[in-house]
N, C-alpha and C. Protein backbone atom coordinates (compact mmCIF):
# COMPACT_ATOMS: atom_id res chain seq x y z
N MET A 1 53.13 139.21 76.29
CA MET A 1 52.94 140.54 76.83
C MET A 1 54.04 140.80 77.88
N PRO A 2 54.76 141.91 77.78
CA PRO A 2 55.86 142.16 78.72
C PRO A 2 55.36 142.42 80.13
N GLU A 3 56.16 142.02 81.10
CA GLU A 3 55.81 142.22 82.50
C GLU A 3 56.12 143.66 82.90
N THR A 4 55.21 144.26 83.64
CA THR A 4 55.41 145.62 84.13
C THR A 4 55.67 145.56 85.62
N PRO A 5 56.15 146.67 86.22
CA PRO A 5 56.40 146.66 87.66
C PRO A 5 55.15 146.45 88.50
N PHE A 6 53.98 146.49 87.90
CA PHE A 6 52.75 146.39 88.67
C PHE A 6 51.90 145.19 88.28
N ASP A 7 52.53 144.17 87.70
CA ASP A 7 51.79 142.97 87.34
C ASP A 7 51.33 142.19 88.56
N ASN A 8 52.06 142.32 89.66
CA ASN A 8 51.66 141.65 90.89
C ASN A 8 52.14 142.47 92.09
N VAL A 9 51.64 142.12 93.24
CA VAL A 9 51.93 142.88 94.45
C VAL A 9 53.43 142.84 94.79
N GLU A 10 54.05 141.68 94.60
CA GLU A 10 55.48 141.56 94.91
C GLU A 10 56.32 142.49 94.04
N ALA A 11 55.99 142.53 92.74
CA ALA A 11 56.74 143.39 91.83
C ALA A 11 56.52 144.86 92.17
N ALA A 12 55.29 145.22 92.50
CA ALA A 12 55.01 146.61 92.87
C ALA A 12 55.76 146.98 94.15
N HIS A 13 55.81 146.07 95.10
CA HIS A 13 56.53 146.30 96.37
C HIS A 13 58.01 146.55 96.09
N GLU A 14 58.60 145.73 95.25
CA GLU A 14 60.01 145.89 94.90
C GLU A 14 60.25 147.20 94.16
N TYR A 15 59.37 147.54 93.24
CA TYR A 15 59.49 148.77 92.46
C TYR A 15 59.43 150.00 93.36
N VAL A 16 58.49 150.00 94.29
CA VAL A 16 58.37 151.14 95.21
C VAL A 16 59.63 151.24 96.08
N GLY A 17 60.20 150.10 96.46
CA GLY A 17 61.46 150.12 97.22
C GLY A 17 62.58 150.75 96.42
N LEU A 18 62.65 150.44 95.13
CA LEU A 18 63.66 151.05 94.27
C LEU A 18 63.44 152.56 94.13
N LEU A 19 62.18 152.95 94.02
CA LEU A 19 61.86 154.38 93.96
C LEU A 19 62.30 155.10 95.24
N MET A 20 62.07 154.44 96.38
CA MET A 20 62.48 155.03 97.66
C MET A 20 63.99 155.26 97.69
N GLU A 21 64.75 154.29 97.22
CA GLU A 21 66.20 154.42 97.21
C GLU A 21 66.63 155.57 96.30
N THR A 22 65.98 155.71 95.17
CA THR A 22 66.30 156.81 94.26
C THR A 22 65.99 158.16 94.90
N VAL A 23 64.88 158.24 95.60
CA VAL A 23 64.52 159.49 96.28
C VAL A 23 65.54 159.81 97.37
N ARG A 24 65.98 158.80 98.11
CA ARG A 24 67.01 159.03 99.14
C ARG A 24 68.30 159.58 98.53
N GLN A 25 68.69 159.01 97.40
CA GLN A 25 69.90 159.50 96.73
C GLN A 25 69.72 160.94 96.27
N ALA A 26 68.55 161.25 95.73
CA ALA A 26 68.27 162.62 95.29
C ALA A 26 68.29 163.58 96.48
N ARG A 27 67.76 163.15 97.62
CA ARG A 27 67.78 164.00 98.82
C ARG A 27 69.21 164.27 99.25
N ASP A 28 70.07 163.26 99.20
CA ASP A 28 71.47 163.45 99.57
C ASP A 28 72.14 164.48 98.65
N GLU A 29 71.87 164.37 97.35
CA GLU A 29 72.44 165.32 96.39
C GLU A 29 71.92 166.74 96.64
N VAL A 30 70.64 166.86 96.91
CA VAL A 30 70.07 168.18 97.18
C VAL A 30 70.65 168.77 98.45
N THR A 31 70.88 167.95 99.45
CA THR A 31 71.48 168.43 100.70
C THR A 31 72.86 169.00 100.43
N GLN A 32 73.64 168.31 99.62
CA GLN A 32 74.97 168.81 99.26
C GLN A 32 74.87 170.13 98.49
N ASP A 33 73.95 170.18 97.52
CA ASP A 33 73.76 171.41 96.75
C ASP A 33 73.31 172.56 97.64
N LEU A 34 72.46 172.26 98.60
CA LEU A 34 71.97 173.28 99.52
C LEU A 34 73.11 173.84 100.37
N GLU A 35 73.97 172.97 100.85
CA GLU A 35 75.12 173.42 101.64
C GLU A 35 76.03 174.32 100.81
N GLN A 36 76.23 173.95 99.55
CA GLN A 36 77.07 174.78 98.67
C GLN A 36 76.42 176.13 98.40
N ALA A 37 75.12 176.13 98.18
CA ALA A 37 74.41 177.39 97.91
C ALA A 37 74.46 178.30 99.13
N GLN A 38 74.29 177.73 100.32
CA GLN A 38 74.36 178.54 101.54
C GLN A 38 75.76 179.09 101.76
N ALA A 39 76.76 178.27 101.47
CA ALA A 39 78.15 178.71 101.66
C ALA A 39 78.52 179.82 100.68
N SER A 40 77.95 179.79 99.49
CA SER A 40 78.29 180.81 98.49
C SER A 40 77.39 182.03 98.58
N GLY A 41 76.41 182.01 99.47
CA GLY A 41 75.54 183.16 99.66
C GLY A 41 74.43 183.27 98.63
N ALA A 42 74.14 182.21 97.93
CA ALA A 42 73.08 182.21 96.93
C ALA A 42 71.75 181.92 97.63
N SER A 43 71.18 182.95 98.23
CA SER A 43 69.99 182.76 99.07
C SER A 43 68.77 182.28 98.30
N ARG A 44 68.57 182.80 97.10
CA ARG A 44 67.41 182.36 96.30
C ARG A 44 67.52 180.90 95.92
N GLN A 45 68.71 180.50 95.53
CA GLN A 45 68.94 179.10 95.17
C GLN A 45 68.79 178.22 96.42
N ALA A 46 69.27 178.68 97.55
CA ALA A 46 69.16 177.93 98.79
C ALA A 46 67.69 177.73 99.18
N GLU A 47 66.89 178.79 99.02
CA GLU A 47 65.46 178.67 99.33
C GLU A 47 64.78 177.65 98.41
N ALA A 48 65.12 177.70 97.13
CA ALA A 48 64.54 176.75 96.18
C ALA A 48 64.96 175.32 96.53
N LEU A 49 66.21 175.13 96.90
CA LEU A 49 66.70 173.81 97.27
C LEU A 49 66.06 173.31 98.56
N GLN A 50 65.76 174.22 99.49
CA GLN A 50 65.05 173.82 100.71
C GLN A 50 63.66 173.30 100.37
N LEU A 51 63.00 173.95 99.42
CA LEU A 51 61.69 173.49 98.98
C LEU A 51 61.80 172.12 98.31
N VAL A 52 62.80 171.95 97.48
CA VAL A 52 63.01 170.66 96.82
C VAL A 52 63.25 169.57 97.87
N ALA A 53 64.08 169.87 98.86
CA ALA A 53 64.38 168.89 99.92
C ALA A 53 63.11 168.51 100.67
N TRP A 54 62.27 169.49 100.97
CA TRP A 54 61.02 169.22 101.67
C TRP A 54 60.09 168.35 100.82
N LYS A 55 59.99 168.68 99.52
CA LYS A 55 59.13 167.89 98.63
C LYS A 55 59.64 166.45 98.52
N LEU A 56 60.95 166.27 98.44
CA LEU A 56 61.51 164.93 98.38
C LEU A 56 61.26 164.16 99.68
N GLU A 57 61.31 164.87 100.80
CA GLU A 57 61.03 164.24 102.09
C GLU A 57 59.58 163.76 102.13
N ARG A 58 58.66 164.56 101.64
CA ARG A 58 57.25 164.19 101.59
C ARG A 58 57.05 162.99 100.66
N LEU A 59 57.72 163.02 99.51
CA LEU A 59 57.61 161.93 98.56
C LEU A 59 58.12 160.63 99.18
N GLU A 60 59.24 160.71 99.88
CA GLU A 60 59.80 159.52 100.53
C GLU A 60 58.82 158.96 101.57
N ALA A 61 58.18 159.84 102.31
CA ALA A 61 57.21 159.39 103.31
C ALA A 61 56.01 158.71 102.65
N GLN A 62 55.55 159.26 101.54
CA GLN A 62 54.43 158.65 100.83
C GLN A 62 54.82 157.29 100.25
N LEU A 63 56.03 157.18 99.73
CA LEU A 63 56.49 155.91 99.19
C LEU A 63 56.63 154.87 100.30
N ALA A 64 57.12 155.30 101.46
CA ALA A 64 57.25 154.37 102.59
C ALA A 64 55.88 153.86 103.01
N SER A 65 54.91 154.73 103.03
CA SER A 65 53.54 154.33 103.37
C SER A 65 53.00 153.36 102.32
N SER A 66 53.23 153.65 101.07
CA SER A 66 52.77 152.76 100.00
C SER A 66 53.44 151.40 100.10
N ARG A 67 54.71 151.38 100.44
CA ARG A 67 55.43 150.12 100.55
C ARG A 67 54.89 149.28 101.70
N ARG A 68 54.55 149.93 102.81
CA ARG A 68 53.96 149.20 103.93
C ARG A 68 52.60 148.62 103.54
N LEU A 69 51.80 149.39 102.81
CA LEU A 69 50.50 148.90 102.36
C LEU A 69 50.67 147.70 101.42
N LEU A 70 51.62 147.79 100.52
CA LEU A 70 51.88 146.67 99.62
C LEU A 70 52.35 145.45 100.39
N ASN A 71 53.16 145.66 101.42
CA ASN A 71 53.62 144.55 102.24
C ASN A 71 52.44 143.88 102.94
N ASP A 72 51.52 144.68 103.44
CA ASP A 72 50.31 144.13 104.07
C ASP A 72 49.51 143.31 103.07
N LEU A 73 49.38 143.82 101.85
CA LEU A 73 48.65 143.10 100.82
C LEU A 73 49.32 141.78 100.47
N ARG A 74 50.65 141.77 100.44
CA ARG A 74 51.37 140.52 100.20
C ARG A 74 51.06 139.51 101.29
N ARG A 75 51.10 139.97 102.52
CA ARG A 75 50.82 139.07 103.65
C ARG A 75 49.40 138.53 103.58
N LEU A 76 48.45 139.41 103.29
CA LEU A 76 47.06 138.98 103.21
C LEU A 76 46.86 137.98 102.08
N ARG A 77 47.47 138.22 100.93
CA ARG A 77 47.35 137.29 99.82
C ARG A 77 47.91 135.94 100.20
N ARG A 78 49.06 135.94 100.86
CA ARG A 78 49.66 134.67 101.29
C ARG A 78 48.77 133.96 102.30
N LEU A 79 48.18 134.72 103.19
CA LEU A 79 47.27 134.13 104.17
C LEU A 79 46.06 133.50 103.49
N LEU A 80 45.49 134.23 102.55
CA LEU A 80 44.30 133.73 101.85
C LEU A 80 44.61 132.52 100.98
N LEU A 81 45.81 132.49 100.42
CA LEU A 81 46.19 131.37 99.54
C LEU A 81 46.86 130.24 100.30
N GLY A 82 47.08 130.43 101.60
CA GLY A 82 47.69 129.38 102.41
C GLY A 82 49.16 129.19 102.14
N GLU A 83 49.83 130.23 101.69
CA GLU A 83 51.27 130.15 101.43
C GLU A 83 52.03 130.47 102.71
N ASP A 84 53.04 129.67 103.02
CA ASP A 84 53.83 129.90 104.23
C ASP A 84 55.17 130.54 103.93
N GLY A 85 55.81 130.14 102.87
CA GLY A 85 57.18 130.59 102.58
C GLY A 85 57.20 131.67 101.52
N PRO A 86 58.36 131.79 100.87
CA PRO A 86 58.49 132.77 99.79
C PRO A 86 57.52 132.46 98.66
N SER A 87 57.18 133.47 97.91
CA SER A 87 56.24 133.29 96.83
C SER A 87 56.86 132.44 95.72
N PRO A 88 56.04 131.88 94.86
CA PRO A 88 56.55 131.06 93.77
C PRO A 88 57.46 131.84 92.82
N THR A 89 57.34 133.17 92.80
CA THR A 89 58.19 133.97 91.91
C THR A 89 59.58 134.15 92.49
N GLY A 90 59.80 133.65 93.70
CA GLY A 90 61.14 133.75 94.29
C GLY A 90 61.39 135.02 95.05
N THR A 91 60.35 135.83 95.27
CA THR A 91 60.56 137.06 96.03
C THR A 91 60.75 136.70 97.49
N PRO A 92 61.54 137.49 98.21
CA PRO A 92 61.80 137.19 99.61
C PRO A 92 60.55 137.33 100.45
N PRO A 93 60.56 136.74 101.66
CA PRO A 93 59.41 136.89 102.55
C PRO A 93 59.22 138.36 102.94
N ASP A 94 58.16 138.61 103.66
CA ASP A 94 57.83 139.98 104.07
C ASP A 94 59.01 140.68 104.71
N ASP A 95 59.03 142.00 104.54
CA ASP A 95 60.10 142.80 105.12
C ASP A 95 60.00 142.79 106.63
N PRO A 96 61.06 142.38 107.33
CA PRO A 96 61.00 142.38 108.79
C PRO A 96 60.92 143.78 109.38
N GLU A 97 61.34 144.78 108.61
CA GLU A 97 61.31 146.17 109.10
C GLU A 97 59.93 146.78 108.99
N GLU A 98 59.02 146.10 108.31
CA GLU A 98 57.70 146.65 108.08
C GLU A 98 56.67 145.85 108.87
N PRO A 99 56.31 146.34 110.05
CA PRO A 99 55.36 145.60 110.88
C PRO A 99 53.98 145.56 110.25
N TRP A 100 53.22 144.54 110.64
CA TRP A 100 51.86 144.40 110.16
C TRP A 100 51.07 145.65 110.46
N GLY A 101 50.35 146.14 109.48
CA GLY A 101 49.49 147.30 109.66
C GLY A 101 50.21 148.61 109.56
N GLY A 102 51.54 148.58 109.32
CA GLY A 102 52.43 149.70 109.14
C GLY A 102 51.88 150.99 109.34
């Protein structure tokens, strides 16, 4: 059976991180498009792009929250299983940027 991004907490954590990076890239592209639309006087397009930028910002915030929750679950699993170091799958230890209880 093929492995999916959600077969375990570590894989889901990594997948959500990749999604966050993709959303950041999309936000950068939308920002550039918005600047071009404003410069060319395309007000309707600029308004639509502002809405897109806001939606992407909300999505990024939700993904960041999900990633922190997944990080907490990884820590709890390791605590319950008595694991001290990296997981047996070779995933890195908890993200230092994501404090406990995020």
